[in-house]
Protein backbone atom coordinates (compact mmCIF):
# COMPACT_ATOMS: atom_id res chain seq x y z
CA UNK A 1 107.01 -16.75 -140.44
CA UNK A 2 107.78 -17.97 -143.83
CA UNK A 3 108.40 -15.52 -146.68
CA UNK A 4 109.94 -17.57 -149.27
CA UNK A 5 108.16 -15.85 -151.84
CA UNK A 6 107.14 -12.39 -152.09
CA UNK A 7 105.07 -10.11 -154.09
CA UNK A 8 107.02 -7.44 -153.42
CA UNK A 9 110.48 -6.31 -154.51
CA UNK A 10 112.60 -5.91 -151.16
CA UNK A 11 111.23 -2.36 -150.52
CA UNK A 12 110.30 -2.94 -147.09
CA UNK A 13 113.85 -3.66 -146.23
CA UNK A 14 115.25 -0.97 -148.15
CA UNK A 15 112.53 1.56 -146.81
CA UNK A 16 113.53 0.37 -143.14
CA UNK A 17 117.15 1.44 -144.01
CA UNK A 18 116.29 4.50 -145.48
CA UNK A 19 114.35 5.41 -142.21
CA UNK A 20 117.02 4.47 -140.23
CA UNK A 21 119.44 6.84 -142.55
CA UNK A 22 117.12 9.74 -142.24
CA UNK A 23 116.44 9.45 -138.46
CA UNK A 24 120.50 9.47 -137.84
CA UNK A 25 121.00 12.37 -140.00
CA UNK A 26 121.15 15.91 -138.90
CA UNK A 27 118.03 17.77 -139.76
CA UNK A 28 119.77 21.32 -139.31
CA UNK A 29 118.62 22.58 -142.60
CA UNK A 30 114.90 22.27 -141.62
CA UNK A 31 113.16 24.94 -139.32
CA UNK A 32 110.67 24.06 -136.68
CA UNK A 33 107.70 26.06 -135.96
CA UNK A 34 105.12 28.11 -137.94
CA UNK A 35 101.71 27.70 -139.34
CA UNK A 36 101.08 26.37 -142.68
CA UNK A 37 97.76 28.00 -144.14
CA UNK A 38 95.81 26.48 -147.10
CA UNK A 39 92.43 27.58 -147.98
CA UNK A 40 89.48 24.72 -149.08
CA UNK A 41 87.49 24.94 -151.70
CA UNK A 42 84.48 22.99 -150.32
CA UNK A 43 82.92 21.62 -146.81
CA UNK A 44 83.97 18.19 -145.64
CA UNK A 45 80.92 16.08 -145.45
CA UNK A 46 83.01 14.39 -142.26
CA UNK A 47 86.08 13.82 -140.61
CA UNK A 48 86.04 10.09 -140.88
CA UNK A 49 88.22 8.69 -143.79
CA UNK A 50 86.79 5.27 -144.10
CA UNK A 51 83.04 6.68 -144.46
CA UNK A 52 83.99 9.20 -147.23
CA UNK A 53 85.18 9.23 -150.82
CA UNK A 54 86.24 12.82 -151.51
CA UNK A 55 89.36 14.69 -151.10
CA UNK A 56 87.41 17.34 -149.66
CA UNK A 57 87.84 15.21 -146.48
CA UNK A 58 91.31 13.80 -147.00
CA UNK A 59 92.84 17.13 -147.33
CA UNK A 60 92.25 18.53 -143.87
CA UNK A 61 92.25 15.21 -141.88
CA UNK A 62 94.77 13.05 -143.34
CA UNK A 63 97.29 14.77 -141.03
CA UNK A 64 95.68 13.30 -138.28
CA UNK A 65 96.34 9.37 -138.98
CA UNK A 66 98.57 7.11 -140.04
CA UNK A 67 98.62 3.80 -141.97
CA UNK A 68 100.01 0.47 -141.79
CA UNK A 69 102.43 1.64 -144.98
CA UNK A 70 102.42 4.70 -147.36
CA UNK A 71 103.49 5.81 -150.53
CA UNK A 72 106.74 7.80 -149.82
CA UNK A 73 105.75 11.32 -149.90
CA UNK A 74 109.44 12.28 -151.23
CA UNK A 75 108.57 9.99 -154.49
CA UNK A 76 106.47 11.98 -157.07
CA UNK A 77 105.33 8.85 -158.81
CA UNK A 78 103.29 6.24 -156.61
CA UNK A 79 103.68 2.44 -157.12
CA UNK A 80 104.26 -0.76 -155.40
CA UNK A 81 107.94 0.15 -155.27
CA UNK A 82 107.35 3.45 -153.33
CA UNK A 83 105.32 1.94 -150.65
CA UNK A 84 107.15 2.57 -147.41
CA UNK A 85 106.70 1.82 -143.52
CA UNK A 86 104.47 3.54 -141.45
CA UNK A 87 102.97 2.01 -138.16
CA UNK A 88 104.16 -1.31 -139.64
CA UNK A 89 108.18 -1.36 -139.23
CA UNK A 90 107.97 -4.48 -141.82
CA UNK A 91 106.06 -6.75 -143.75
CA UNK A 92 105.97 -10.16 -145.67
CA UNK A 93 103.98 -12.69 -147.44
CA UNK A 94 104.02 -16.19 -146.64
CA UNK A 95 104.77 -18.79 -149.27
CA UNK A 96 101.15 -18.95 -150.45
CA UNK A 97 100.80 -15.07 -150.83
CA UNK A 98 97.73 -15.35 -149.03
CA UNK A 99 98.88 -14.36 -145.49
CA UNK A 100 100.45 -10.82 -145.34
CA UNK A 101 101.95 -10.13 -142.00
CA UNK A 102 103.12 -6.70 -140.50
CA UNK A 103 105.43 -6.32 -137.36
CA UNK A 104 104.12 -2.92 -135.84
CA UNK A 105 105.91 -0.06 -134.04
CA UNK A 106 105.83 -0.39 -130.31
CA UNK A 107 105.41 2.85 -127.97
CA UNK A 108 102.94 4.83 -130.58
CA UNK A 109 100.19 6.59 -128.58
CA UNK A 110 96.71 7.87 -129.72
CA UNK A 111 96.18 11.37 -129.34
CA UNK A 112 93.98 10.62 -126.04
CA UNK A 113 97.29 8.81 -124.54
CA UNK A 114 95.93 5.42 -125.08
CA UNK A 115 98.56 2.85 -126.60
CA UNK A 116 98.61 1.83 -130.05
CA UNK A 117 98.13 -2.09 -130.86
CA UNK A 118 97.68 -4.75 -133.26
CA UNK A 119 94.01 -4.92 -131.77
CA UNK A 120 93.39 -1.64 -133.43
CA UNK A 121 94.49 -2.86 -136.69
CA UNK A 122 92.36 -5.82 -136.25
CA UNK A 123 89.51 -3.87 -135.44
CA UNK A 124 89.70 -1.30 -138.40
CA UNK A 125 89.26 -3.92 -141.04
CA UNK A 126 87.01 -6.17 -139.37
CA UNK A 127 84.82 -3.22 -139.36
CA UNK A 128 85.51 -2.86 -143.22
CA UNK A 129 84.54 -6.20 -143.86
CA UNK A 130 81.84 -6.28 -141.54
CA UNK A 131 83.20 -9.09 -139.65
CA UNK A 132 81.39 -9.93 -136.34
CA UNK A 133 79.04 -6.84 -136.87
CA UNK A 134 81.48 -4.32 -136.35
CA UNK A 135 80.13 -1.87 -138.97
CA UNK A 136 77.16 -1.08 -137.29
CA UNK A 137 78.36 2.59 -136.35
CA UNK A 138 79.32 2.92 -140.03
CA UNK A 139 77.29 5.54 -142.11
CA UNK A 140 78.99 4.20 -145.34
CA UNK A 141 81.47 1.75 -146.45
CA UNK A 142 82.73 2.83 -149.70
CA UNK A 143 86.09 0.80 -150.19
CA UNK A 144 84.55 -2.40 -148.44
CA UNK A 145 84.81 -4.00 -152.07
CA UNK A 146 88.56 -3.44 -151.81
CA UNK A 147 88.44 -6.08 -149.27
CA UNK A 148 86.54 -9.13 -150.61
CA UNK A 149 89.33 -11.49 -150.54
CA UNK A 150 90.34 -10.30 -146.72
CA UNK A 151 88.59 -13.22 -144.51
CA UNK A 152 90.11 -11.78 -141.27
CA UNK A 153 93.15 -10.13 -139.24
CA UNK A 154 94.69 -12.16 -136.66
CA UNK A 155 97.08 -10.69 -134.35
CA UNK A 156 99.70 -12.31 -132.21
CA UNK A 157 100.32 -10.26 -129.24
CA UNK A 158 100.40 -6.48 -129.57
CA UNK A 159 102.54 -6.00 -132.50
CA UNK A 160 101.83 -8.46 -135.06
CA UNK A 161 98.99 -8.52 -137.40
CA UNK A 162 98.46 -11.00 -140.30
CA UNK A 163 96.01 -10.00 -143.34
CA UNK A 164 94.38 -13.70 -144.03
CA UNK A 165 93.20 -13.74 -147.86
CA UNK A 166 91.34 -16.01 -149.48
CA UNK A 167 93.37 -15.93 -152.73
CA UNK A 168 96.30 -13.67 -153.79
CA UNK A 169 95.69 -10.18 -154.07
CA UNK A 170 99.26 -8.46 -154.97
CA UNK A 171 97.63 -4.96 -154.89
CA UNK A 172 97.16 -5.26 -151.16
CA UNK A 173 100.09 -3.00 -149.85
CA UNK A 174 99.20 -0.57 -152.25
CA UNK A 175 95.56 -0.29 -151.11
CA UNK A 176 96.69 -0.08 -147.71
CA UNK A 177 99.13 2.91 -148.70
CA UNK A 178 95.92 4.97 -149.90
CA UNK A 179 95.14 7.98 -147.52
CA UNK A 180 91.65 6.25 -147.36
CA UNK A 181 93.28 3.35 -145.36
CA UNK A 182 93.94 4.94 -142.06
CA UNK A 183 94.01 2.89 -138.91
CA UNK A 184 91.54 3.51 -136.52
CA UNK A 185 91.13 3.30 -132.42
CA UNK A 186 89.18 0.66 -131.36
CA UNK A 187 88.19 2.61 -128.44
CA UNK A 188 86.58 5.47 -130.12
CA UNK A 189 83.10 5.12 -131.42
CA UNK A 190 82.53 6.18 -135.06
CA UNK A 191 80.26 8.96 -133.93
CA UNK A 192 83.19 10.85 -132.67
CA UNK A 193 85.34 9.90 -135.58
CA UNK A 194 83.18 11.75 -137.97
CA UNK A 195 83.34 15.11 -135.69
CA UNK A 196 86.39 14.64 -133.68
CA UNK A 197 88.94 12.30 -134.80
CA UNK A 198 91.40 10.68 -132.71
CA UNK A 199 94.49 9.38 -134.62
CA UNK A 200 98.29 8.73 -134.16
CA UNK A 201 99.34 11.00 -136.74
CA UNK A 202 101.60 14.12 -136.59
CA UNK A 203 98.98 16.50 -135.98
CA UNK A 204 96.04 16.62 -133.66
CA UNK A 205 92.53 17.84 -134.35
CA UNK A 206 91.37 21.06 -132.79
CA UNK A 207 88.19 22.49 -134.25
CA UNK A 208 85.97 21.86 -137.23
CA UNK A 209 83.66 24.92 -137.91
CA UNK A 210 81.89 23.79 -141.00
CA UNK A 211 81.80 26.55 -143.79
CA UNK A 212 84.64 28.44 -141.91
CA UNK A 213 87.88 26.74 -140.67
CA UNK A 214 89.77 23.39 -139.83
CA UNK A 215 92.30 23.44 -137.44
CA UNK A 216 95.17 21.06 -136.41
CA UNK A 217 98.25 21.38 -134.20
CA UNK A 218 101.34 19.64 -133.78
CA UNK A 219 101.46 16.22 -131.69
CA UNK A 220 104.09 16.32 -129.13
CA UNK A 221 104.17 12.82 -128.89
CA UNK A 222 104.38 11.73 -132.40
CA UNK A 223 106.31 8.58 -132.93
CA UNK A 224 108.89 10.08 -135.29
CA UNK A 225 110.49 12.37 -132.71
CA UNK A 226 111.84 15.24 -134.96
CA UNK A 227 108.38 15.30 -136.75
CA UNK A 228 106.46 17.48 -137.56
CA UNK A 229 108.21 20.43 -138.21
CA UNK A 230 105.12 22.79 -138.12
CA UNK A 231 103.35 23.90 -135.04
CA UNK A 232 99.94 24.09 -136.87
CA UNK A 233 98.23 23.85 -139.94
CA UNK A 234 94.85 25.99 -140.83
CA UNK A 235 92.20 25.29 -143.56
CA UNK A 236 89.74 28.09 -144.39
CA UNK A 237 86.75 27.63 -146.56
CA UNK A 238 86.40 29.95 -149.66
CA UNK A 239 83.45 29.16 -151.79
CA UNK A 240 84.84 31.44 -155.03
CA UNK A 241 88.00 29.81 -156.86
CA UNK A 242 88.71 33.62 -157.91
CA UNK A 243 88.77 34.73 -154.52
CA UNK A 244 91.21 31.99 -153.11
CA UNK A 245 93.22 32.03 -155.92
CA UNK A 246 93.82 35.84 -155.55
CA UNK A 247 94.24 35.04 -151.92
CA UNK A 248 97.22 32.81 -152.51
CA UNK A 249 98.81 35.17 -154.87
CA UNK A 250 98.68 38.16 -152.38
CA UNK A 251 100.49 35.87 -149.74
CA UNK A 252 97.51 35.33 -147.54
CA UNK A 253 97.83 31.19 -148.13
CA UNK A 254 100.80 28.95 -148.34
CA UNK A 255 99.59 26.31 -150.68
CA UNK A 256 96.76 25.79 -152.83
CA UNK A 257 94.09 23.27 -152.45
CA UNK A 258 95.10 20.08 -153.95
CA UNK A 259 94.69 20.49 -158.24
CA UNK A 260 92.70 23.32 -157.60
CA UNK A 261 94.54 25.72 -159.86
CA UNK A 262 93.09 25.45 -163.48
CA UNK A 263 95.81 25.41 -166.71
CA UNK A 264 94.35 28.84 -167.70
CA UNK A 265 94.44 30.22 -164.07
CA UNK A 266 98.27 29.31 -163.55
CA UNK A 267 99.51 32.08 -165.88
CA UNK A 268 97.24 34.37 -163.82
CA UNK A 269 99.08 33.08 -160.53
CA UNK A 270 102.28 33.41 -162.07
CA UNK A 271 101.82 36.70 -163.02
CA UNK A 272 100.45 37.94 -159.77
CA UNK A 273 102.96 35.95 -157.57
CA UNK A 274 106.13 35.44 -159.86
CA UNK A 275 107.85 33.89 -157.06
CA UNK A 276 105.21 31.16 -156.48
CA UNK A 277 106.46 27.64 -157.48
CA UNK A 278 103.65 25.79 -159.59
CA UNK A 279 103.37 22.56 -160.97
CA UNK A 280 100.99 21.24 -163.66
CA UNK A 281 100.24 17.40 -162.87
CA UNK A 282 97.76 14.98 -163.80
CA UNK A 283 95.49 14.65 -160.63
CA UNK A 284 94.22 11.10 -160.84
CA UNK A 285 90.95 12.24 -161.46
CA UNK A 286 88.58 11.64 -164.12
CA UNK A 287 85.84 13.37 -166.02
CA UNK A 288 82.99 10.79 -166.73
CA UNK A 289 79.32 10.80 -167.70
CA UNK A 290 77.23 9.00 -165.40
CA UNK A 291 73.72 7.46 -166.56
CA UNK A 292 71.72 5.68 -163.94
CA UNK A 293 70.73 2.51 -166.25
CA UNK A 294 67.78 1.56 -164.14
CA UNK A 295 65.68 4.78 -165.02
CA UNK A 296 63.75 5.00 -167.97
CA UNK A 297 64.56 6.03 -170.89
CA UNK A 298 68.10 5.26 -169.98
CA UNK A 299 67.56 1.66 -169.33
CA UNK A 300 67.71 1.42 -173.14
CA UNK A 301 71.41 0.72 -174.02
CA UNK A 302 70.90 2.01 -177.47
CA UNK A 303 70.56 5.63 -175.67
CA UNK A 304 73.44 5.02 -173.54
CA UNK A 305 75.57 4.26 -176.39
CA UNK A 306 74.44 7.46 -178.50
CA UNK A 307 75.26 9.54 -175.48
CA UNK A 308 78.68 7.96 -175.45
CA UNK A 309 79.40 8.58 -179.12
CA UNK A 310 78.26 12.25 -178.77
CA UNK A 311 81.26 12.92 -176.59
CA UNK A 312 83.78 15.02 -178.39
CA UNK A 313 86.78 14.87 -176.13
CA UNK A 314 88.98 17.32 -177.89
CA UNK A 315 86.86 20.42 -177.06
CA UNK A 316 86.57 19.51 -173.16
CA UNK A 317 90.47 19.19 -173.27
CA UNK A 318 91.00 22.24 -175.05
CA UNK A 319 88.67 24.84 -173.35
CA UNK A 320 89.13 23.11 -169.57
CA UNK A 321 93.13 22.23 -169.70
CA UNK A 322 94.69 23.82 -172.96
CA UNK A 323 95.09 20.21 -174.35
CA UNK A 324 97.19 18.99 -171.58
CA UNK A 325 94.80 16.59 -170.35
CA UNK A 326 95.02 12.83 -171.03
CA UNK A 327 92.65 10.59 -172.99
CA UNK A 328 92.07 7.20 -171.79
CA UNK A 329 89.83 4.51 -170.24
CA UNK A 330 88.95 3.87 -166.94
CA UNK A 331 92.82 3.52 -165.84
CA UNK A 332 94.86 6.71 -165.71
CA UNK A 333 96.46 7.22 -169.19
CA UNK A 334 99.91 6.75 -169.97
CA UNK A 335 102.70 8.08 -169.38
CA UNK A 336 101.71 8.74 -165.71
CA UNK A 337 99.50 5.74 -165.52
CA UNK A 338 100.59 2.40 -164.42
CA UNK A 339 98.03 0.69 -166.16
CA UNK A 340 96.99 2.79 -168.94
CA UNK A 341 96.35 1.28 -172.17
CA UNK A 342 98.91 2.08 -175.52
CA UNK A 343 97.63 5.07 -177.26
CA UNK A 344 97.07 3.04 -180.41
CA UNK A 345 94.73 0.87 -178.27
CA UNK A 346 92.84 3.94 -176.82
CA UNK A 347 92.28 5.28 -180.11
CA UNK A 348 90.61 2.37 -181.45
CA UNK A 349 87.69 2.06 -178.83
CA UNK A 350 84.30 3.11 -179.89
CA UNK A 351 83.84 7.10 -179.99
CA UNK A 352 87.62 7.71 -179.11
CA UNK A 353 88.69 7.81 -183.11
CA UNK A 354 89.20 11.25 -184.79
CA UNK A 355 86.07 11.00 -187.04
CA UNK A 356 83.79 12.72 -184.57
CA UNK A 357 81.43 13.43 -187.19
CA UNK A 358 80.82 10.03 -188.03
CA UNK A 359 80.23 9.39 -184.26
CA UNK A 360 77.79 12.14 -184.13
CA UNK A 361 75.94 10.80 -187.14
CA UNK A 362 75.76 7.21 -185.68
CA UNK A 363 74.28 8.54 -182.39
CA UNK A 364 71.86 10.84 -184.16
CA UNK A 365 70.75 7.92 -186.24
CA UNK A 366 70.25 5.95 -182.92
CA UNK A 367 68.27 8.46 -181.63
CA UNK A 368 65.93 9.27 -184.54
CA UNK A 369 65.07 5.79 -184.67
CA UNK A 370 63.95 6.21 -181.13
CA UNK A 371 61.49 8.90 -182.06
CA UNK A 372 63.71 11.83 -180.92
CA UNK A 373 64.68 14.81 -183.07
CA UNK A 374 65.07 18.83 -183.13
CA UNK A 375 61.28 19.10 -182.68
CA UNK A 376 61.05 16.40 -180.36
CA UNK A 377 64.02 16.58 -178.19
CA UNK A 378 64.71 14.36 -175.07
CA UNK A 379 64.65 16.54 -172.07
CA UNK A 380 66.50 15.76 -168.93
CA UNK A 381 68.41 17.21 -166.02
CA UNK A 382 72.22 16.76 -165.25
CA UNK A 383 73.15 16.91 -161.68
CA UNK A 384 76.68 17.89 -160.70
CA UNK A 385 78.66 19.12 -158.01
CA UNK A 386 78.89 22.63 -156.85
CA UNK A 387 82.61 23.06 -157.93
CA UNK A 388 84.05 24.83 -161.10
CA UNK A 389 85.78 21.29 -162.01
CA UNK A 390 82.24 19.87 -162.11
CA UNK A 391 80.57 22.44 -163.41
CA UNK A 392 82.55 23.70 -166.25
CA UNK A 393 82.84 20.46 -167.87
CA UNK A 394 78.86 19.99 -167.24
CA UNK A 395 78.23 23.04 -169.58
CA UNK A 396 80.23 21.54 -172.25
CA UNK A 397 78.27 18.21 -172.08
CA UNK A 398 74.70 19.99 -171.93
CA UNK A 399 76.16 21.65 -175.25
CA UNK A 400 77.28 18.36 -177.02
CA UNK A 401 74.33 16.29 -176.30
CA UNK A 402 72.07 18.84 -178.03
CA UNK A 403 73.65 17.84 -181.31
CA UNK A 404 72.02 14.12 -180.53
CA UNK A 405 68.54 15.87 -179.71
CA UNK A 406 68.89 15.78 -176.09
CA UNK A 407 68.28 19.11 -174.00
CA UNK A 408 69.20 19.65 -170.57
CA UNK A 409 69.52 22.12 -167.54
CA UNK A 410 72.06 21.80 -164.81
CA UNK A 411 71.21 20.70 -161.02
CA UNK A 412 73.88 21.86 -159.03
CA UNK A 413 74.37 20.54 -155.71
CA UNK A 414 76.75 21.01 -152.66
CA UNK A 415 79.02 18.36 -151.59
CA UNK A 416 76.91 16.84 -148.84
CA UNK A 417 74.10 16.70 -151.48
CA UNK A 418 75.89 15.45 -154.02
CA UNK A 419 77.44 12.38 -151.94
CA UNK A 420 74.03 11.44 -150.41
CA UNK A 421 72.44 11.42 -153.85
CA UNK A 422 75.27 9.23 -155.32
CA UNK A 423 74.84 7.20 -152.54
CA UNK A 424 71.28 6.43 -152.67
CA UNK A 425 71.26 6.41 -156.88
CA UNK A 426 69.17 9.32 -156.33
CA UNK A 427 69.89 10.61 -159.87
CA UNK A 428 69.23 10.01 -163.50
CA UNK A 429 72.24 11.64 -165.39
CA UNK A 430 75.25 13.03 -163.98
CA UNK A 431 78.63 14.87 -164.96
CA UNK A 432 81.01 13.40 -162.19
CA UNK A 433 84.92 13.94 -161.48
CA UNK A 434 85.66 10.54 -159.97
CA UNK A 435 88.89 10.84 -157.83
CA UNK A 436 90.86 7.68 -157.79
CA UNK A 437 93.20 7.34 -154.73
CA UNK A 438 95.31 4.55 -155.75
CA UNK A 439 96.63 4.12 -159.35
CA UNK A 440 95.56 0.25 -159.36
CA UNK A 441 92.80 -1.95 -160.59
CA UNK A 442 91.58 -2.90 -157.48
CA UNK A 443 91.53 0.49 -156.25
CA UNK A 444 89.38 1.86 -159.14
CA UNK A 445 87.86 -0.43 -161.59
CA UNK A 446 86.84 -2.60 -158.81
CA UNK A 447 85.58 0.04 -156.74
CA UNK A 448 83.55 1.90 -159.38
CA UNK A 449 82.35 -1.23 -161.69
CA UNK A 450 81.78 -4.29 -159.96
CA UNK A 451 78.30 -5.34 -159.36
CA UNK A 452 78.45 -5.34 -155.60
CA UNK A 453 80.39 -2.00 -155.13
CA UNK A 454 78.68 0.90 -153.00
CA UNK A 455 80.89 3.46 -155.45
CA UNK A 456 79.27 1.81 -158.30
CA UNK A 457 77.03 4.74 -158.97
CA UNK A 458 75.57 3.67 -162.48
CA UNK A 459 74.45 0.43 -161.43
CA UNK A 460 76.28 -1.34 -164.11
CA UNK A 461 76.53 -5.10 -163.67
CA UNK A 462 78.15 -7.30 -166.12
CA UNK A 463 79.33 -11.13 -165.17
CA UNK A 464 81.95 -11.08 -167.72
CA UNK A 465 83.59 -7.80 -166.29
CA UNK A 466 83.09 -9.24 -162.83
CA UNK A 467 84.93 -12.44 -163.95
CA UNK A 468 87.89 -10.66 -165.49
CA UNK A 469 88.07 -8.29 -162.42
CA UNK A 470 88.56 -11.53 -159.98
CA UNK A 471 91.09 -12.94 -162.77
CA UNK A 472 93.42 -9.57 -162.72
CA UNK A 473 92.79 -9.12 -158.80
CA UNK A 474 94.79 -12.48 -158.12
CA UNK A 475 97.39 -12.40 -160.91
CA UNK A 476 100.89 -12.15 -159.71
CA UNK A 477 102.57 -11.82 -162.64
CA UNK A 478 101.98 -7.64 -163.58
CA UNK A 479 102.50 -7.87 -167.37
CA UNK A 480 99.39 -10.36 -167.67
CA UNK A 481 97.61 -8.36 -165.35
CA UNK A 482 97.43 -5.47 -167.45
CA UNK A 483 96.36 -7.57 -170.32
CA UNK A 484 93.26 -8.66 -168.30
CA UNK A 485 92.67 -5.16 -167.63
CA UNK A 486 92.60 -3.97 -170.95
CA UNK A 487 90.07 -6.45 -171.78
CA UNK A 488 87.96 -5.16 -169.08
CA UNK A 489 88.74 -1.75 -170.51
CA UNK A 490 87.42 -2.50 -173.93
CA UNK A 491 84.18 -4.04 -172.24
CA UNK A 492 83.56 -0.90 -170.13
CA UNK A 493 83.62 1.32 -173.49
CA UNK A 494 81.43 -1.06 -175.28
CA UNK A 495 78.70 -1.56 -172.66
CA UNK A 496 79.00 2.70 -171.93
CA UNK A 497 79.71 1.74 -168.43
CA UNK A 498 80.60 5.19 -167.32
CA UNK A 499 82.02 6.85 -170.58
CA UNK A 500 85.25 8.79 -169.56
CA UNK A 501 85.73 12.31 -171.19
CA UNK A 502 89.24 12.83 -169.63
CA UNK A 503 91.72 12.07 -167.18
CA UNK A 504 92.52 15.64 -165.72
CA UNK A 505 95.53 18.02 -165.32
CA UNK A 506 95.67 20.72 -162.93
CA UNK A 507 98.08 23.18 -161.18
CA UNK A 508 99.33 23.18 -157.85
CA UNK A 509 101.12 26.30 -156.35
CA UNK A 510 102.91 26.99 -153.05
CA UNK A 511 105.09 29.77 -151.83
CA UNK A 512 108.75 29.35 -152.16
CA UNK A 513 109.69 29.39 -148.60
CA UNK A 514 107.22 26.08 -148.14
CA UNK A 515 109.91 23.17 -148.28
CA UNK A 516 109.61 19.46 -148.71
CA UNK A 517 106.19 19.54 -150.62
CA UNK A 518 105.72 17.33 -153.81
CA UNK A 519 102.69 16.63 -155.44
CA UNK A 520 102.58 13.46 -157.01
CA UNK A 521 101.91 12.76 -160.49
CA UNK A 522 99.34 9.73 -160.39
CA UNK A 523 96.83 10.60 -157.52
CA UNK A 524 96.40 14.09 -155.68
CA UNK A 525 95.47 11.97 -152.26
CA UNK A 526 98.20 10.72 -150.81
CA UNK A 527 100.55 13.27 -150.14
CA UNK A 528 98.84 15.43 -147.71
CA UNK A 529 100.26 14.69 -144.30
CA UNK A 530 102.59 17.52 -144.34
CA UNK A 531 104.72 16.11 -141.50
CA UNK A 532 107.90 16.69 -143.59
CA UNK A 533 106.89 20.24 -144.99
CA UNK A 534 108.85 23.26 -143.13
CA UNK A 535 108.89 26.81 -143.75
CA UNK A 536 111.86 28.74 -144.44
CA UNK A 537 110.89 32.01 -143.16
């Protein structure tokens, strides 16, 4: 196998060495046993990560699965340099950078006792790209667009799989490290994976009672022989944020739901539970305005531009996050964002500058020209998800749109209905909080803005954006790739494609006896397997 030119730094070999050292070191400090107790703020739509697009499913079910590769859970910042082995022991590119070959672990078993082989890898990604009709059992395939360059996965025996691309895609290892990229068992139907999932991961599925709880137990046959430390993980659903945060503060739970603690609430938690550990991080989620541009009158680009100009981001930031959110385009802003535009570039974007009165006046003039006024407003419904992180900014949005003669009422939807509406494009105006599982243009802009993406909820389509997306995706030089991405960002803002209001910041809290839990600073999705977490009590 040739690997004369690599898209990666030599992280695979370094990671293998680290794994070997870690496995050879005594783990006397860690304590085995105990139940990790978490609350859940919502109802997961299903247990099938490949069919879902929400942390509501990732948080309780990621621990059931393994990927080929993962982001190092001990590294706070995720990048190509923190990708380490999982079910793959090593990986290498060929000389053309179009074939990525994985050497797989031997002796790994699925939770039902069946052996894991290269056929499972091949089957999983053939389902995702629709090769051979293998997607027939998928209800949804939200990340199919990640793999448009993937032609096939070939196998060589039971322990080698090669991803064959039509052209280079340097982001592929990063996409494969996402929590949304687990390997599925070929022998288990998708109907079962949606309700009683089977994985190779550190914890086995026991039960999912909708509206009540999820329960996982330790996998005694896990291929990492000294993992996991915990005996069990439980999640209990609690609708009220005040109730669940109070329950954490009184010691009923060990870790809060990812990024569930708002910046103002951190002070309350610390007052009630002074020994709790709380960290504020950027979450990798972005508050954005969604306008379904095929529905009149919003098929008129002038109205969409006026709505974008009406957004005053400072009050959102001050009210919701005490000024600690990040301002940027579609990609996570600096300093946490790997691809964020320089601050001076952000401030030069239409609607982002400090002169909000000028922006409002321009938006009002557009709306007046179209016949709208205080006496004759445009009346709309704004749909959003029934979570505080959605409802609170939606209230601010309704207030700001009044300034340009748009009056609105909120239509609050529970999670299954919200995602069903988005999937069917059955909405007109929405306030969304988009979670980005990997900080990479192929895992964000391609997924949310390319013409053929299932998650392009606004039905935005720009041939020039698609051309640039293809160009950045195959560019091997990261600095050149960034400049293409910034050109795309400018186009998205000018088109009011899906106006980004803020990149969110929030708090994560855990009890002091919870060890080895580290929230990541550019995604809330990829540190939720809990296999290294132990309880010092």
